[in-house]
Amino acid sequence: MSMSECLPLVGGASSRSLEKRAEQSHLGQQSHLGQQSQRPDCWRCHHFRISWKPSTPYTCSLMGFSSRALPCIEVLRADGRVCQGFVAKQQAVVMA
């Protein structure tokens, strides 16, 4: 069990329940790239950054905030909807 699963969240919801809610509300929706997506993945988002601050290691440059939890989870907590700002990172071109 990760630390984020142990921490109580606003309104008594757990991180796991928020992730399930995000997944359920985003199922079946097409991303702007035309691929089937379950939910926004911060690790694959162009706006996701890692900060040097141990207290708030995850940053969303689009929305301008840092937090202990992934930004997509923070957006779900605050807004009740999955993140609408997800933009997939471009694939690196490997020259052989």
C-alpha atoms as a PDB file:
ATOM      1  CA  MET A   1       0.000   0.000   0.000  1.00  0.00           C
ATOM      2  CA  SER A   2       1.466   3.357  -0.987  1.00  0.00           C
ATOM      3  CA  MET A   3       1.542   6.360   1.287  1.00  0.00           C
ATOM      4  CA  SER A   4      -1.044   8.201  -0.823  1.00  0.00           C
ATOM      5  CA  GLU A   5      -3.504   5.340  -0.278  1.00  0.00           C
ATOM      6  CA  CYS A   6      -3.106   5.684   3.499  1.00  0.00           C
ATOM      7  CA  LEU A   7      -3.654   9.424   3.687  1.00  0.00           C
ATOM      8  CA  PRO A   8      -7.226  10.622   4.251  1.00  0.00           C
ATOM      9  CA  LEU A   9      -8.436  13.035   1.611  1.00  0.00           C
ATOM     10  CA  VAL A  10     -10.928  15.873   1.488  1.00  0.00           C
ATOM     11  CA  GLY A  11     -14.454  14.619   2.069  1.00  0.00           C
ATOM     12  CA  GLY A  12     -13.231  11.257   3.399  1.00  0.00           C
ATOM     13  CA  ALA A  13     -12.549   9.858  -0.079  1.00  0.00           C
ATOM     14  CA  SER A  14      -9.468   7.717  -0.488  1.00  0.00           C
ATOM     15  CA  SER A  15      -6.961   8.074  -3.293  1.00  0.00           C
ATOM     16  CA  ARG A  16      -8.042   4.669  -4.599  1.00  0.00           C
ATOM     17  CA  SER A  17     -11.719   5.720  -4.774  1.00  0.00           C
ATOM     18  CA  LEU A  18     -10.779   8.943  -6.585  1.00  0.00           C
ATOM     19  CA  GLU A  19      -8.740   6.976  -9.123  1.00  0.00           C
ATOM     20  CA  LYS A  20     -11.685   4.612  -9.689  1.00  0.00           C
ATOM     21  CA  ARG A  21     -14.047   7.568 -10.138  1.00  0.00           C
ATOM     22  CA  ALA A  22     -11.651   9.140 -12.654  1.00  0.00           C
ATOM     23  CA  GLU A  23     -11.394   5.879 -14.540  1.00  0.00           C
ATOM     24  CA  GLN A  24     -15.171   5.365 -14.625  1.00  0.00           C
ATOM     25  CA  SER A  25     -15.943   8.905 -15.774  1.00  0.00           C
ATOM     26  CA  HIS A  26     -13.289   8.774 -18.487  1.00  0.00           C
ATOM     27  CA  LEU A  27     -14.021   5.253 -19.811  1.00  0.00           C
ATOM     28  CA  GLY A  28     -15.255   5.210 -23.343  1.00  0.00           C
ATOM     29  CA  GLN A  29     -14.185   8.770 -24.095  1.00  0.00           C
ATOM     30  CA  GLN A  30     -11.848   9.299 -27.016  1.00  0.00           C
ATOM     31  CA  SER A  31      -8.732  11.344 -26.427  1.00  0.00           C
ATOM     32  CA  HIS A  32      -7.891  14.098 -28.873  1.00  0.00           C
ATOM     33  CA  LEU A  33      -5.382  11.682 -30.419  1.00  0.00           C
ATOM     34  CA  GLY A  34      -8.159   9.248 -31.321  1.00  0.00           C
ATOM     35  CA  GLN A  35      -6.893   6.559 -28.948  1.00  0.00           C
ATOM     36  CA  GLN A  36      -9.029   4.880 -26.303  1.00  0.00           C
ATOM     37  CA  SER A  37      -7.980   6.167 -22.881  1.00  0.00           C
ATOM     38  CA  GLN A  38      -9.065   5.145 -19.389  1.00  0.00           C
ATOM     39  CA  ARG A  39      -7.926   8.326 -17.627  1.00  0.00           C
ATOM     40  CA  PRO A  40      -5.318  11.053 -17.947  1.00  0.00           C
ATOM     41  CA  ASP A  41      -1.859   9.802 -17.027  1.00  0.00           C
ATOM     42  CA  CYS A  42       0.326  12.575 -15.631  1.00  0.00           C
ATOM     43  CA  TRP A  43       3.478  10.592 -16.396  1.00  0.00           C
ATOM     44  CA  ARG A  44       2.597  10.760 -20.109  1.00  0.00           C
ATOM     45  CA  CYS A  45       1.412  14.382 -20.095  1.00  0.00           C
ATOM     46  CA  HIS A  46       3.369  17.211 -21.703  1.00  0.00           C
ATOM     47  CA  HIS A  47       2.576  19.536 -18.756  1.00  0.00           C
ATOM     48  CA  PHE A  48       3.794  17.177 -15.997  1.00  0.00           C
ATOM     49  CA  ARG A  49       7.039  18.091 -14.230  1.00  0.00           C
ATOM     50  CA  ILE A  50       9.017  16.825 -11.247  1.00  0.00           C
ATOM     51  CA  SER A  51      10.098  19.516  -8.789  1.00  0.00           C
ATOM     52  CA  TRP A  52      13.100  19.530  -6.481  1.00  0.00           C
ATOM     53  CA  LYS A  53      10.874  20.103  -3.432  1.00  0.00           C
ATOM     54  CA  PRO A  54      10.412  16.856  -1.479  1.00  0.00           C
ATOM     55  CA  SER A  55       7.181  18.181   0.075  1.00  0.00           C
ATOM     56  CA  THR A  56       5.564  18.814  -3.339  1.00  0.00           C
ATOM     57  CA  PRO A  57       7.374  16.685  -5.927  1.00  0.00           C
ATOM     58  CA  TYR A  58       4.744  16.758  -8.711  1.00  0.00           C
ATOM     59  CA  THR A  59       3.994  19.857 -10.785  1.00  0.00           C
ATOM     60  CA  CYS A  60       1.474  20.722 -13.473  1.00  0.00           C
ATOM     61  CA  SER A  61       2.846  23.550 -15.612  1.00  0.00           C
ATOM     62  CA  LEU A  62      -0.528  24.093 -17.328  1.00  0.00           C
ATOM     63  CA  MET A  63      -2.435  24.749 -14.115  1.00  0.00           C
ATOM     64  CA  GLY A  64       0.516  26.194 -12.209  1.00  0.00           C
ATOM     65  CA  PHE A  65       0.573  24.127  -9.023  1.00  0.00           C
ATOM     66  CA  SER A  66       2.687  21.544  -7.213  1.00  0.00           C
ATOM     67  CA  SER A  67       1.447  18.839  -4.870  1.00  0.00           C
ATOM     68  CA  ARG A  68       2.261  15.622  -3.012  1.00  0.00           C
ATOM     69  CA  ALA A  69      -0.214  13.666  -5.138  1.00  0.00           C
ATOM     70  CA  LEU A  70      -0.266  13.449  -8.921  1.00  0.00           C
ATOM     71  CA  PRO A  71      -1.888  16.531 -10.452  1.00  0.00           C
ATOM     72  CA  CYS A  72      -4.665  14.468 -12.091  1.00  0.00           C
ATOM     73  CA  ILE A  73      -5.717  13.298  -8.606  1.00  0.00           C
ATOM     74  CA  GLU A  74      -5.623  16.860  -7.237  1.00  0.00           C
ATOM     75  CA  VAL A  75      -7.779  18.077 -10.134  1.00  0.00           C
ATOM     76  CA  LEU A  76     -10.289  15.302  -9.470  1.00  0.00           C
ATOM     77  CA  ARG A  77     -10.391  16.235  -5.766  1.00  0.00           C
ATOM     78  CA  ALA A  78     -10.929  19.923  -6.480  1.00  0.00           C
ATOM     79  CA  ASP A  79     -13.233  19.765  -9.494  1.00  0.00           C
ATOM     80  CA  GLY A  80     -14.866  16.357  -9.278  1.00  0.00           C
ATOM     81  CA  ARG A  81     -13.984  15.701 -12.942  1.00  0.00           C
ATOM     82  CA  VAL A  82     -10.949  14.167 -14.613  1.00  0.00           C
ATOM     83  CA  CYS A  83      -8.264  16.534 -15.871  1.00  0.00           C
ATOM     84  CA  GLN A  84      -9.260  18.250 -19.108  1.00  0.00           C
ATOM     85  CA  GLY A  85      -5.767  19.611 -19.842  1.00  0.00           C
ATOM     86  CA  PHE A  86      -4.015  16.345 -20.736  1.00  0.00           C
ATOM     87  CA  VAL A  87      -1.736  16.624 -23.776  1.00  0.00           C
ATOM     88  CA  ALA A  88       0.286  13.539 -24.673  1.00  0.00           C
ATOM     89  CA  LYS A  89       4.058  13.900 -24.816  1.00  0.00           C
ATOM     90  CA  GLN A  90       5.550  13.604 -28.260  1.00  0.00           C
ATOM     91  CA  GLN A  91       7.454  10.421 -28.971  1.00  0.00           C
ATOM     92  CA  ALA A  92      11.218  10.823 -29.145  1.00  0.00           C
ATOM     93  CA  VAL A  93      12.656   9.964 -32.530  1.00  0.00           C
ATOM     94  CA  VAL A  94      15.490   7.455 -32.242  1.00  0.00           C
ATOM     95  CA  MET A  95      17.996   7.499 -35.056  1.00  0.00           C
ATOM     96  CA  ALA A  96      19.762   4.203 -35.596  1.00  0.00           C
END
